N, C-alpha and C. Protein backbone atom coordinates (compact mmCIF):
# COMPACT_ATOMS: atom_id res chain seq x y z
N MET A 1 -1.27 8.10 1.18
CA MET A 1 -1.04 8.44 -0.17
C MET A 1 -0.89 9.91 -0.19
N LYS A 2 -0.26 10.80 -1.23
CA LYS A 2 -0.15 12.25 -1.64
C LYS A 2 -0.77 12.60 -2.99
N VAL A 3 -1.54 13.38 -3.32
CA VAL A 3 -2.09 13.64 -4.34
C VAL A 3 -2.14 14.87 -4.34
N TRP A 4 -1.88 15.06 -6.04
CA TRP A 4 -1.46 16.93 -6.65
C TRP A 4 -2.62 17.03 -7.46
N GLY A 5 -2.61 18.23 -7.70
CA GLY A 5 -3.95 18.46 -8.33
C GLY A 5 -5.24 18.10 -8.55
N ILE A 6 -5.81 17.87 -7.36
CA ILE A 6 -7.05 17.66 -7.09
C ILE A 6 -7.29 18.48 -5.61
N THR A 7 -8.43 19.06 -5.54
CA THR A 7 -8.89 19.66 -4.20
C THR A 7 -9.62 18.83 -3.15
N GLU A 8 -9.31 19.07 -2.04
CA GLU A 8 -10.14 18.37 -0.73
C GLU A 8 -11.38 18.05 -1.17
N LEU A 9 -12.20 19.01 -1.87
CA LEU A 9 -13.47 18.35 -1.93
C LEU A 9 -13.90 17.46 -2.96
N ASP A 10 -13.34 17.41 -4.08
CA ASP A 10 -12.73 16.60 -4.73
C ASP A 10 -12.50 15.37 -4.65
N ALA A 11 -11.64 15.06 -3.81
CA ALA A 11 -11.40 14.02 -2.94
C ALA A 11 -12.32 13.47 -2.03
N TYR A 12 -13.13 14.18 -1.41
CA TYR A 12 -14.08 13.82 -0.79
C TYR A 12 -15.20 13.08 -1.57
N ARG A 13 -15.39 13.64 -2.31
CA ARG A 13 -16.63 13.42 -3.18
C ARG A 13 -16.06 11.89 -3.86
N ALA A 14 -14.90 11.93 -4.63
CA ALA A 14 -14.48 10.45 -5.07
C ALA A 14 -14.46 9.51 -3.82
N ALA A 15 -14.30 9.55 -2.82
CA ALA A 15 -14.33 8.93 -2.01
C ALA A 15 -16.03 8.23 -1.42
N ASP A 16 -16.75 9.35 -1.79
CA ASP A 16 -18.19 9.05 -1.46
C ASP A 16 -18.69 8.12 -2.46
N LEU A 17 -17.94 8.30 -3.96
CA LEU A 17 -18.61 7.63 -4.78
C LEU A 17 -18.26 5.84 -4.90
N VAL A 18 -17.02 5.89 -4.42
CA VAL A 18 -16.35 4.31 -4.46
C VAL A 18 -16.64 3.71 -2.91
N SER A 19 -17.49 4.59 -1.98
CA SER A 19 -17.60 4.04 -0.83
C SER A 19 -16.32 3.66 0.35
N VAL A 20 -15.53 4.87 0.07
CA VAL A 20 -14.42 4.24 1.21
C VAL A 20 -14.54 5.84 1.72
N ARG A 21 -13.51 5.82 2.89
CA ARG A 21 -13.75 7.04 3.97
C ARG A 21 -12.19 7.64 4.19
N ILE A 22 -12.12 8.68 3.99
CA ILE A 22 -10.86 9.70 4.02
C ILE A 22 -10.23 10.35 5.68
N VAL A 23 -9.29 9.73 5.96
CA VAL A 23 -9.27 9.94 7.43
C VAL A 23 -7.80 11.09 7.45
N ASN A 24 -7.41 11.70 8.08
CA ASN A 24 -6.43 12.58 8.53
C ASN A 24 -5.84 13.13 7.33
N MET A 25 -6.64 14.20 6.60
CA MET A 25 -6.42 14.91 5.57
C MET A 25 -6.13 16.08 6.09
N ARG A 26 -4.59 16.20 5.63
CA ARG A 26 -3.52 17.71 5.66
C ARG A 26 -2.88 17.68 4.40
N ARG A 27 -2.56 18.84 4.23
CA ARG A 27 -2.00 19.48 3.47
C ARG A 27 0.02 19.24 3.78
N ASP A 28 0.27 18.86 2.35
CA ASP A 28 1.82 18.66 2.47
C ASP A 28 2.47 19.28 1.44
N GLY A 29 2.81 20.67 1.80
CA GLY A 29 3.30 21.34 0.45
C GLY A 29 2.30 21.68 -0.49
N ARG A 30 2.41 21.47 -1.97
CA ARG A 30 1.20 21.72 -2.44
C ARG A 30 0.31 20.23 -2.85
N ALA A 31 0.55 19.30 -2.06
CA ALA A 31 -0.05 17.98 -2.08
C ALA A 31 -0.93 17.81 -0.85
N LEU A 32 -1.83 17.01 -1.05
CA LEU A 32 -3.23 16.48 -0.33
C LEU A 32 -2.54 15.30 0.64
N ARG A 33 -2.37 15.22 1.78
CA ARG A 33 -1.84 13.87 2.34
C ARG A 33 -2.93 13.26 3.39
N PHE A 34 -3.10 11.89 2.86
CA PHE A 34 -4.34 11.42 3.71
C PHE A 34 -4.46 9.94 3.86
N THR A 35 -5.20 9.12 4.46
CA THR A 35 -5.48 7.95 4.13
C THR A 35 -6.83 7.03 4.19
N LEU A 36 -6.89 6.61 3.53
CA LEU A 36 -8.25 5.69 3.17
C LEU A 36 -8.68 4.18 3.68
N LYS A 37 -9.95 4.60 4.62
CA LYS A 37 -10.15 3.64 5.62
C LYS A 37 -11.51 3.08 4.89
N PRO A 38 -12.18 2.01 5.63
CA PRO A 38 -13.32 1.27 5.09
C PRO A 38 -14.32 1.93 5.75
N THR A 39 -15.64 2.35 5.13
CA THR A 39 -16.77 2.41 5.41
C THR A 39 -17.42 1.72 6.58
N ALA A 40 -18.63 1.95 7.21
CA ALA A 40 -19.44 0.85 7.77
C ALA A 40 -19.73 -0.14 7.16
N ASN A 41 -20.02 0.03 5.89
CA ASN A 41 -20.60 -1.23 5.00
C ASN A 41 -19.19 -2.18 4.73
N LYS A 42 -18.16 -1.67 5.21
CA LYS A 42 -16.91 -2.68 5.02
C LYS A 42 -16.46 -2.96 3.51
N LYS A 43 -17.03 -2.37 2.47
CA LYS A 43 -16.47 -2.54 1.15
C LYS A 43 -15.08 -2.38 1.23
N TRP A 44 -14.45 -3.10 0.39
CA TRP A 44 -13.07 -2.74 0.15
C TRP A 44 -12.20 -3.40 0.99
N GLN A 45 -12.50 -3.79 2.07
CA GLN A 45 -11.66 -3.75 3.72
C GLN A 45 -10.58 -4.75 2.87
N ARG A 46 -9.43 -4.51 3.69
CA ARG A 46 -8.36 -5.67 3.39
C ARG A 46 -8.09 -6.59 4.40
N ARG A 47 -7.73 -8.02 3.80
CA ARG A 47 -7.48 -9.16 4.28
C ARG A 47 -5.96 -8.95 4.74
N SER A 48 -5.50 -9.50 6.09
CA SER A 48 -4.02 -9.94 6.60
C SER A 48 -3.31 -10.64 5.31
N ALA A 49 -2.24 -10.54 5.08
CA ALA A 49 -1.05 -11.01 4.57
C ALA A 49 -0.26 -11.93 5.01
N SER A 50 -0.57 -12.31 6.41
CA SER A 50 -0.03 -13.10 7.23
C SER A 50 -0.56 -14.86 6.87
N SER A 51 0.58 -15.40 6.50
CA SER A 51 0.33 -16.71 6.47
C SER A 51 -0.46 -17.48 7.92
N ILE A 52 -0.27 -16.64 8.96
CA ILE A 52 -0.70 -17.41 10.40
C ILE A 52 -2.10 -16.88 10.49
N SER A 53 -2.52 -15.81 10.09
CA SER A 53 -4.05 -15.25 10.20
C SER A 53 -4.65 -14.64 9.34
N PRO A 54 -4.65 -15.58 7.63
CA PRO A 54 -5.07 -14.91 6.56
C PRO A 54 -6.55 -14.27 6.47
N GLU A 55 -7.10 -14.62 7.47
CA GLU A 55 -8.44 -14.49 7.38
C GLU A 55 -8.55 -12.95 8.69
N ARG A 56 -7.58 -12.72 8.81
CA ARG A 56 -7.80 -11.44 9.69
C ARG A 56 -8.00 -10.20 9.00
N LYS A 57 -9.20 -9.64 9.06
CA LYS A 57 -9.74 -8.11 8.85
C LYS A 57 -8.70 -7.30 9.50
N ALA A 58 -8.18 -6.20 8.16
CA ALA A 58 -7.69 -5.43 8.67
C ALA A 58 -8.23 -3.74 8.59
N ASN A 59 -8.00 -2.78 9.22
CA ASN A 59 -8.72 -1.74 9.17
C ASN A 59 -8.04 -0.76 7.92
N ALA A 60 -8.10 -1.49 6.82
CA ALA A 60 -7.56 -0.71 5.83
C ALA A 60 -8.23 -1.06 4.68
N ILE A 61 -7.76 -0.21 3.50
CA ILE A 61 -8.48 -0.54 2.05
C ILE A 61 -7.92 -1.39 1.05
N CYS A 62 -8.25 -2.25 0.50
CA CYS A 62 -7.62 -3.17 -0.70
C CYS A 62 -6.96 -2.41 -1.76
N PHE A 63 -6.52 -3.33 -2.60
CA PHE A 63 -5.51 -2.74 -3.66
C PHE A 63 -6.63 -2.06 -4.49
N HIS A 64 -8.26 -3.20 -4.81
CA HIS A 64 -9.08 -2.82 -5.30
C HIS A 64 -10.16 -1.44 -5.04
N GLY A 65 -10.18 -1.20 -4.06
CA GLY A 65 -10.81 -0.08 -3.61
C GLY A 65 -9.54 0.88 -3.59
N HIS A 66 -8.50 0.84 -3.82
CA HIS A 66 -7.63 2.26 -3.66
C HIS A 66 -7.53 2.36 -5.41
N TYR A 67 -7.85 1.25 -6.11
CA TYR A 67 -7.70 1.23 -7.85
C TYR A 67 -8.86 2.17 -7.71
N HIS A 68 -10.29 2.06 -7.48
CA HIS A 68 -11.25 2.59 -7.81
C HIS A 68 -11.40 4.19 -7.55
N PHE A 69 -10.85 4.32 -6.19
CA PHE A 69 -10.75 5.71 -5.52
C PHE A 69 -10.00 6.64 -6.53
N MET A 70 -8.42 5.98 -6.80
CA MET A 70 -7.74 7.03 -7.76
C MET A 70 -8.01 6.65 -9.18
N ARG A 71 -8.84 6.03 -9.54
CA ARG A 71 -9.41 6.30 -10.81
C ARG A 71 -10.59 7.35 -11.10
N GLU A 72 -11.39 7.53 -9.72
CA GLU A 72 -12.31 8.50 -10.17
C GLU A 72 -11.66 9.81 -9.89
N LEU A 73 -10.18 10.08 -9.07
CA LEU A 73 -9.82 11.49 -9.18
C LEU A 73 -9.00 11.76 -10.48
N PHE A 74 -8.38 10.24 -11.33
CA PHE A 74 -8.05 10.90 -12.43
C PHE A 74 -9.26 11.60 -13.55
N ARG A 75 -10.63 11.12 -13.23
CA ARG A 75 -11.43 11.55 -14.30
C ARG A 75 -11.72 12.78 -13.68
N ILE A 76 -11.39 13.49 -12.46
CA ILE A 76 -11.51 14.58 -12.21
C ILE A 76 -10.21 15.61 -13.11
N ASN A 77 -9.01 15.01 -12.92
CA ASN A 77 -8.22 15.68 -13.62
C ASN A 77 -7.02 14.42 -13.99
N GLU A 78 -7.01 14.27 -15.31
CA GLU A 78 -6.20 13.01 -16.19
C GLU A 78 -4.64 13.57 -15.70
N ASN A 79 -4.30 14.89 -15.45
CA ASN A 79 -2.91 14.78 -15.12
C ASN A 79 -2.58 15.06 -13.65
N ALA A 80 -3.23 14.53 -12.78
CA ALA A 80 -3.17 14.89 -11.42
C ALA A 80 -1.79 14.06 -11.15
N ARG A 81 -1.72 13.85 -10.15
CA ARG A 81 -0.27 13.09 -9.80
C ARG A 81 -1.00 12.22 -8.21
N ILE A 82 -0.46 10.98 -7.91
CA ILE A 82 -0.65 10.11 -7.01
C ILE A 82 0.34 9.29 -6.44
N LYS A 83 0.61 9.51 -5.36
CA LYS A 83 2.01 8.66 -4.81
C LYS A 83 1.57 7.94 -3.72
N THR A 84 1.85 6.69 -3.70
CA THR A 84 1.93 6.26 -2.86
C THR A 84 2.71 5.01 -2.18
N ARG A 85 2.88 4.56 -1.00
CA ARG A 85 4.11 3.78 -0.79
C ARG A 85 4.82 2.93 -2.02
N PHE A 86 3.70 2.26 -2.70
CA PHE A 86 4.41 1.39 -3.79
C PHE A 86 4.64 1.87 -4.99
N ALA A 87 4.01 2.84 -5.52
CA ALA A 87 3.81 3.49 -7.01
C ALA A 87 3.63 5.02 -7.05
N ASP A 88 4.08 5.50 -7.77
CA ASP A 88 4.21 6.92 -8.25
C ASP A 88 3.58 7.32 -9.67
N TYR A 89 2.21 7.60 -9.65
CA TYR A 89 1.51 7.69 -10.47
C TYR A 89 1.27 8.90 -11.37
N LYS A 90 2.00 9.14 -12.37
CA LYS A 90 2.45 10.58 -12.76
C LYS A 90 1.43 11.13 -14.04
N GLY A 91 -0.13 11.07 -13.67
CA GLY A 91 -0.81 11.04 -14.66
C GLY A 91 -1.74 9.80 -14.99
N LEU A 92 -3.23 9.89 -15.70
CA LEU A 92 -3.95 9.04 -16.28
C LEU A 92 -3.11 7.74 -17.00
N ALA A 93 -2.41 8.01 -18.09
CA ALA A 93 -2.09 7.33 -18.79
C ALA A 93 -1.08 6.20 -18.11
N ILE A 94 0.12 6.75 -17.23
CA ILE A 94 0.67 6.05 -16.42
C ILE A 94 0.01 5.20 -15.28
N PHE A 95 -1.20 5.39 -14.97
CA PHE A 95 -2.30 5.02 -13.86
C PHE A 95 -2.43 3.89 -14.31
N LEU A 96 -3.04 4.04 -15.72
CA LEU A 96 -3.87 2.73 -16.52
C LEU A 96 -2.62 1.86 -16.86
N ASP A 97 -1.70 1.86 -16.97
CA ASP A 97 -0.79 1.08 -17.63
C ASP A 97 -0.05 0.61 -16.19
N LEU A 98 0.28 1.03 -15.33
CA LEU A 98 1.18 0.35 -14.27
C LEU A 98 0.14 -0.06 -12.98
N ALA A 99 -0.85 0.32 -12.57
CA ALA A 99 -1.83 -0.04 -11.58
C ALA A 99 -2.17 -1.28 -11.26
N PRO A 100 -2.38 -2.21 -12.69
CA PRO A 100 -2.27 -3.64 -12.85
C PRO A 100 -1.42 -4.36 -12.19
N GLN A 101 -0.36 -3.87 -12.78
CA GLN A 101 1.43 -4.67 -12.19
C GLN A 101 1.55 -4.37 -10.73
N THR A 102 1.04 -3.25 -10.16
CA THR A 102 1.24 -2.72 -8.72
C THR A 102 0.13 -4.09 -7.76
N GLY A 103 -0.50 -4.21 -8.38
CA GLY A 103 -1.63 -5.28 -7.95
C GLY A 103 -0.85 -6.66 -7.48
N THR A 104 0.08 -7.05 -8.61
CA THR A 104 0.67 -8.19 -8.45
C THR A 104 2.06 -8.24 -7.40
N ILE A 105 2.34 -6.90 -6.73
CA ILE A 105 3.46 -6.83 -5.94
C ILE A 105 3.28 -8.04 -4.91
N ASN A 106 4.22 -8.61 -4.12
CA ASN A 106 3.91 -9.61 -2.98
C ASN A 106 4.06 -9.21 -1.85
N ILE A 107 3.10 -9.02 -1.19
CA ILE A 107 3.07 -8.19 0.33
C ILE A 107 3.13 -9.19 1.58
N GLY A 108 3.17 -10.61 0.85
CA GLY A 108 3.06 -11.55 1.52
C GLY A 108 4.73 -12.08 1.98
N SER A 109 5.35 -13.47 2.47
CA SER A 109 6.63 -13.46 2.85
C SER A 109 7.13 -14.51 1.20
N ARG A 110 8.40 -14.95 0.95
CA ARG A 110 8.47 -15.45 -0.13
C ARG A 110 8.29 -17.05 0.25
N MET A 111 8.04 -17.48 1.56
CA MET A 111 7.64 -18.61 1.46
C MET A 111 6.22 -18.95 1.12
N TYR A 112 5.42 -17.76 1.62
CA TYR A 112 3.82 -18.02 1.20
C TYR A 112 3.58 -16.20 1.04
N PRO A 113 3.36 -16.40 -0.43
CA PRO A 113 3.33 -15.21 -1.34
C PRO A 113 2.42 -14.83 -1.16
N VAL A 114 1.56 -13.50 -0.77
CA VAL A 114 0.24 -12.95 -1.56
C VAL A 114 0.42 -11.61 -1.97
N GLN A 115 -0.13 -11.62 -3.14
CA GLN A 115 -0.27 -10.72 -4.47
C GLN A 115 -1.09 -9.41 -3.63
N MET A 116 -0.84 -8.31 -3.67
CA MET A 116 -1.50 -7.32 -3.09
C MET A 116 -3.10 -7.41 -3.65
N ARG A 117 -3.42 -7.78 -4.72
CA ARG A 117 -4.90 -7.76 -5.28
C ARG A 117 -5.45 -9.05 -4.45
N GLU A 118 -4.93 -9.60 -3.89
CA GLU A 118 -5.40 -10.98 -3.25
C GLU A 118 -5.72 -10.62 -1.86
N ALA A 119 -5.02 -10.19 -1.21
CA ALA A 119 -5.10 -9.60 0.14
C ALA A 119 -6.59 -8.91 0.36
N CYS A 120 -7.74 -9.41 0.37
CA CYS A 120 -9.13 -8.78 0.38
C CYS A 120 -10.02 -9.65 0.66
N PHE A 121 -11.46 -9.30 0.36
CA PHE A 121 -12.63 -10.28 0.62
C PHE A 121 -13.38 -9.82 -0.81
N CYS A 122 -12.94 -9.47 -1.85
CA CYS A 122 -13.29 -8.90 -3.29
C CYS A 122 -13.94 -10.06 -3.89
N TYR A 123 -13.20 -11.32 -3.62
CA TYR A 123 -13.32 -12.27 -4.69
C TYR A 123 -14.91 -12.81 -4.41
N GLU A 124 -15.11 -13.18 -2.87
CA GLU A 124 -16.29 -13.33 -2.66
C GLU A 124 -17.46 -12.28 -2.58
N SER A 125 -17.24 -11.25 -2.82
CA SER A 125 -18.31 -10.26 -2.88
C SER A 125 -18.28 -9.68 -4.64
N GLY A 126 -17.65 -10.52 -5.22
CA GLY A 126 -17.51 -9.97 -6.72
C GLY A 126 -16.67 -8.76 -7.29
N ASP A 127 -16.17 -7.98 -6.40
CA ASP A 127 -15.89 -6.75 -6.39
C ASP A 127 -14.23 -6.79 -7.14
N ASP A 128 -13.60 -7.96 -7.51
CA ASP A 128 -12.46 -8.24 -7.71
C ASP A 128 -12.09 -7.99 -9.31
N TYR A 129 -12.32 -6.61 -9.52
CA TYR A 129 -12.14 -6.28 -10.91
C TYR A 129 -11.65 -4.79 -11.27
N ILE A 130 -11.14 -5.09 -11.99
CA ILE A 130 -10.70 -3.32 -12.60
C ILE A 130 -10.95 -3.37 -14.17
N THR A 131 -11.67 -2.43 -14.63
CA THR A 131 -11.83 -2.23 -16.12
C THR A 131 -10.28 -1.75 -16.97
N PRO A 132 -10.05 -2.49 -17.70
CA PRO A 132 -8.88 -2.21 -18.72
C PRO A 132 -9.05 -1.15 -19.62
N GLU A 133 -8.22 -0.52 -19.61
CA GLU A 133 -8.54 1.06 -20.23
C GLU A 133 -7.03 1.52 -20.62
N ARG A 134 -6.90 2.36 -21.98
CA ARG A 134 -5.45 3.03 -22.40
C ARG A 134 -6.33 4.20 -22.95
N VAL A 135 -5.14 5.08 -23.00
CA VAL A 135 -5.23 6.57 -22.91
C VAL A 135 -4.55 6.94 -24.31
N THR A 136 -3.02 6.36 -23.71
CA THR A 136 -1.97 7.13 -24.61
C THR A 136 -0.97 5.78 -24.66
N ALA A 137 -0.17 5.48 -25.67
CA ALA A 137 1.09 4.60 -25.44
C ALA A 137 1.90 5.16 -24.31
N TRP A 138 2.31 4.08 -23.51
CA TRP A 138 3.42 4.30 -22.34
C TRP A 138 4.67 3.19 -22.64
N ASP A 139 6.06 3.51 -22.88
CA ASP A 139 6.86 2.30 -23.59
C ASP A 139 7.06 1.07 -22.54
N GLY A 140 6.54 1.49 -20.80
CA GLY A 140 6.59 0.43 -20.43
C GLY A 140 7.80 -0.10 -19.86
N SER A 141 8.96 0.45 -19.84
CA SER A 141 10.25 -0.23 -20.13
C SER A 141 10.60 -0.37 -18.69
N PRO A 142 11.38 -1.72 -18.53
CA PRO A 142 12.11 -2.09 -17.42
C PRO A 142 12.54 -0.72 -16.33
N ASP A 143 13.28 0.31 -16.84
CA ASP A 143 14.03 1.22 -16.23
C ASP A 143 12.54 1.90 -15.71
N THR A 144 11.62 2.45 -16.56
CA THR A 144 10.77 3.04 -16.06
C THR A 144 9.89 2.60 -15.02
N THR A 145 9.53 1.22 -15.21
CA THR A 145 9.03 0.68 -14.40
C THR A 145 9.26 0.57 -12.87
N ARG A 146 10.87 0.30 -12.88
CA ARG A 146 11.57 0.31 -11.95
C ARG A 146 11.30 1.62 -10.91
N GLU A 147 11.51 2.61 -11.55
CA GLU A 147 11.37 4.03 -11.15
C GLU A 147 10.20 4.52 -10.62
N LEU A 148 9.09 3.76 -11.13
CA LEU A 148 7.56 4.17 -11.02
C LEU A 148 7.20 2.88 -9.60
N LEU A 149 7.46 1.76 -9.75
CA LEU A 149 7.02 0.96 -8.79
C LEU A 149 8.07 1.15 -7.68
N ARG A 150 7.70 0.60 -6.58
CA ARG A 150 8.95 0.82 -5.38
C ARG A 150 8.42 -0.51 -4.63
N VAL A 151 9.47 -1.46 -5.01
CA VAL A 151 9.55 -3.07 -4.40
C VAL A 151 10.48 -3.16 -3.42
N ALA A 152 10.00 -3.71 -2.16
CA ALA A 152 10.88 -3.65 -1.09
C ALA A 152 11.50 -5.39 -0.96
N GLU A 153 12.23 -5.48 -0.54
CA GLU A 153 12.75 -6.99 -0.13
C GLU A 153 13.06 -6.80 1.39
N MET A 154 12.04 -8.09 2.13
CA MET A 154 12.43 -7.99 3.68
C MET A 154 12.91 -9.42 3.76
N ARG A 155 13.70 -10.11 4.82
CA ARG A 155 14.05 -11.04 5.05
C ARG A 155 13.15 -11.77 6.07
N GLN A 156 13.33 -12.94 5.68
CA GLN A 156 11.80 -13.84 6.44
C GLN A 156 12.30 -14.13 7.72
N ALA A 157 13.58 -13.93 7.87
CA ALA A 157 13.77 -14.68 9.58
C ALA A 157 13.34 -12.85 10.18
N ASP A 158 13.42 -11.86 9.59
CA ASP A 158 13.15 -10.67 10.36
C ASP A 158 11.78 -10.78 10.74
N MET A 159 10.83 -10.68 9.66
CA MET A 159 9.60 -10.75 9.71
C MET A 159 8.57 -11.97 10.89
N LEU A 160 9.38 -12.97 10.78
CA LEU A 160 9.03 -14.22 12.02
C LEU A 160 9.81 -13.76 13.34
N ALA A 161 10.69 -12.82 13.28
CA ALA A 161 10.96 -12.26 14.81
C ALA A 161 9.82 -11.24 15.27
N CYS A 162 9.40 -10.95 14.43
CA CYS A 162 8.53 -9.84 14.79
C CYS A 162 7.16 -10.36 15.51
N PRO A 163 6.76 -10.38 16.67
CA PRO A 163 5.75 -10.62 17.42
C PRO A 163 4.25 -10.87 16.60
N HIS A 164 4.09 -9.87 15.63
CA HIS A 164 2.72 -10.00 14.76
C HIS A 164 2.99 -10.30 13.46
N VAL A 165 4.48 -10.71 12.95
CA VAL A 165 4.77 -10.97 11.53
C VAL A 165 4.11 -10.06 10.73
N ILE A 166 4.32 -8.81 10.89
CA ILE A 166 4.11 -7.58 10.02
C ILE A 166 4.60 -7.67 8.67
N ILE A 167 3.83 -7.65 7.42
CA ILE A 167 4.34 -7.54 6.28
C ILE A 167 4.12 -6.27 5.80
N ASP A 168 5.58 -5.56 6.18
CA ASP A 168 5.27 -3.86 5.85
C ASP A 168 6.48 -3.62 5.95
N PRO A 169 7.56 -3.02 4.71
CA PRO A 169 8.92 -2.56 5.21
C PRO A 169 9.18 -1.56 6.27
N ALA A 170 8.35 -0.72 6.06
CA ALA A 170 8.29 0.59 7.19
C ALA A 170 8.27 0.16 7.92
N HIS A 171 7.46 -1.21 8.70
CA HIS A 171 7.65 -1.83 9.94
C HIS A 171 9.03 -1.97 10.38
N TYR A 172 10.05 -2.19 9.77
CA TYR A 172 11.40 -2.78 10.19
C TYR A 172 12.33 -1.37 10.23
N ARG A 173 13.39 -1.88 10.86
CA ARG A 173 14.60 -0.87 11.30
C ARG A 173 15.68 -1.32 9.91
N SER A 174 16.56 -0.87 9.79
CA SER A 174 17.56 -0.77 8.97
C SER A 174 18.49 -2.02 9.34
N ASP A 175 18.56 -2.30 10.35
CA ASP A 175 19.21 -3.63 11.15
C ASP A 175 18.10 -4.93 11.16
N GLY A 176 17.03 -4.72 10.84
CA GLY A 176 16.33 -5.75 10.61
C GLY A 176 15.20 -5.89 11.52
N SER A 177 15.62 -5.07 12.79
CA SER A 177 14.41 -5.49 14.04
C SER A 177 13.49 -4.74 13.75
N CYS A 178 12.09 -5.48 14.50
CA CYS A 178 10.81 -4.80 14.21
C CYS A 178 10.61 -3.55 15.06
N ARG A 179 9.50 -2.82 14.94
CA ARG A 179 9.36 -1.70 15.40
C ARG A 179 8.02 -1.81 16.26
N CYS A 180 7.75 -3.03 16.93
CA CYS A 180 6.54 -3.19 18.04
C CYS A 180 6.63 -2.42 19.09
N ASN A 181 8.20 -2.40 19.63
CA ASN A 181 8.41 -1.46 20.70
C ASN A 181 8.49 0.27 20.54
N ASP A 182 8.34 0.74 19.41
CA ASP A 182 8.17 2.14 18.80
C ASP A 182 6.98 2.56 19.23
N PRO A 183 6.88 3.68 20.04
CA PRO A 183 5.26 4.03 20.08
C PRO A 183 4.85 4.86 19.12
N THR A 184 5.46 5.57 18.24
CA THR A 184 5.13 6.19 16.86
C THR A 184 4.38 5.17 16.00
N GLU A 185 5.41 3.70 15.96
CA GLU A 185 4.56 2.56 14.87
C GLU A 185 3.79 2.37 16.05
N GLN A 186 3.54 1.97 16.93
CA GLN A 186 2.40 1.44 17.72
C GLN A 186 1.15 2.24 17.47
N ALA A 187 1.43 3.49 17.41
CA ALA A 187 0.35 4.43 17.33
C ALA A 187 -0.52 4.02 15.78
N ARG A 188 0.85 3.68 14.94
CA ARG A 188 0.49 3.88 13.18
C ARG A 188 -0.21 2.76 13.32
N LEU A 189 -0.04 1.42 13.88
CA LEU A 189 -0.93 0.09 13.55
C LEU A 189 -1.79 0.25 14.57
N ILE A 190 -2.12 1.04 15.20
CA ILE A 190 -3.85 1.05 16.31
C ILE A 190 -4.44 1.49 15.05
N SER A 191 -4.01 2.89 14.63
CA SER A 191 -4.72 3.42 13.60
C SER A 191 -4.96 3.05 12.36
N GLU A 192 -4.12 2.24 11.90
CA GLU A 192 -4.63 1.41 10.49
C GLU A 192 -4.70 0.28 10.33
N TYR A 193 -4.61 -0.44 11.46
CA TYR A 193 -4.91 -1.77 11.88
C TYR A 193 -5.29 -2.24 12.63
N ASP A 194 -6.18 -3.39 12.42
CA ASP A 194 -7.06 -3.82 14.06
C ASP A 194 -6.02 -4.62 15.05
N TYR A 195 -5.17 -3.54 15.67
CA TYR A 195 -4.67 -3.69 16.88
C TYR A 195 -4.90 -2.43 17.96
N LYS A 196 -4.53 -3.47 19.04
CA LYS A 196 -5.20 -2.79 20.56
C LYS A 196 -3.51 -2.45 21.16
N ALA A 197 -3.52 -1.56 21.89
CA ALA A 197 -2.40 -1.02 22.85
C ALA A 197 -1.91 -2.49 23.26
N SER A 198 -2.82 -3.31 23.71
CA SER A 198 -2.31 -4.21 24.52
C SER A 198 -1.79 -5.45 23.76
N ASP A 199 -1.47 -5.50 22.46
CA ASP A 199 -0.74 -6.20 21.54
C ASP A 199 0.63 -6.06 21.36
N PHE A 200 1.01 -4.79 22.04
CA PHE A 200 2.32 -4.42 21.88
C PHE A 200 3.27 -4.70 23.04
N PRO A 201 4.01 -4.46 23.27
CA PRO A 201 5.33 -4.54 24.71
C PRO A 201 5.20 -2.85 24.98
N VAL A 202 5.60 -2.54 26.36
CA VAL A 202 5.90 -1.40 26.76
C VAL A 202 7.11 -0.59 25.87
N ALA A 203 6.28 0.57 25.55
CA ALA A 203 7.24 1.16 24.35
C ALA A 203 8.48 1.40 24.74
N SER A 204 9.45 1.65 24.44
CA SER A 204 11.00 2.19 24.74
C SER A 204 10.81 3.34 24.71
N ARG A 205 11.96 4.01 25.88
CA ARG A 205 11.82 5.49 25.40
C ARG A 205 13.00 5.96 25.00
């Protein structure tokens, strides 16, 4: 994610409050760019969205963990901006209105849909909640929603052709082929998810 209007120290403090871990913190222009990972207690750990291995644990933070972390950032600065792969929250008011909709985005397949808010173990632990809030009126118009929410469609045939059936638009090239043989993508999947180098074919050069 990318964050504007927040210091590195404040980001680390927010992470400590909600029990997530920040990795790969760096500057990206005027923004901070980093990734959230589970801590040793595994709170907010994401579950695989694959229908083949739905109980597989991913080395990533679920929707609820991201929500609570971002809410803490907006407590620090309600005019901050947070940009993720799925949404662009320009201030607290838009975040409070839009984030619950973000949680309903399908990250599974069309045949076996899984909402983002369902790909976790939070229901079992009682952490599957967000607190309804509103600070100002936002029009919530379809045009505004489309602008702020990033919705991508993937062909089921392309996903099934991937050896790991990965549900992530960034994993596929424009021709629909998966990037399992891409060394950069292999490094990302090993870093962000529960994969090993032996899970992938020899990287193409």
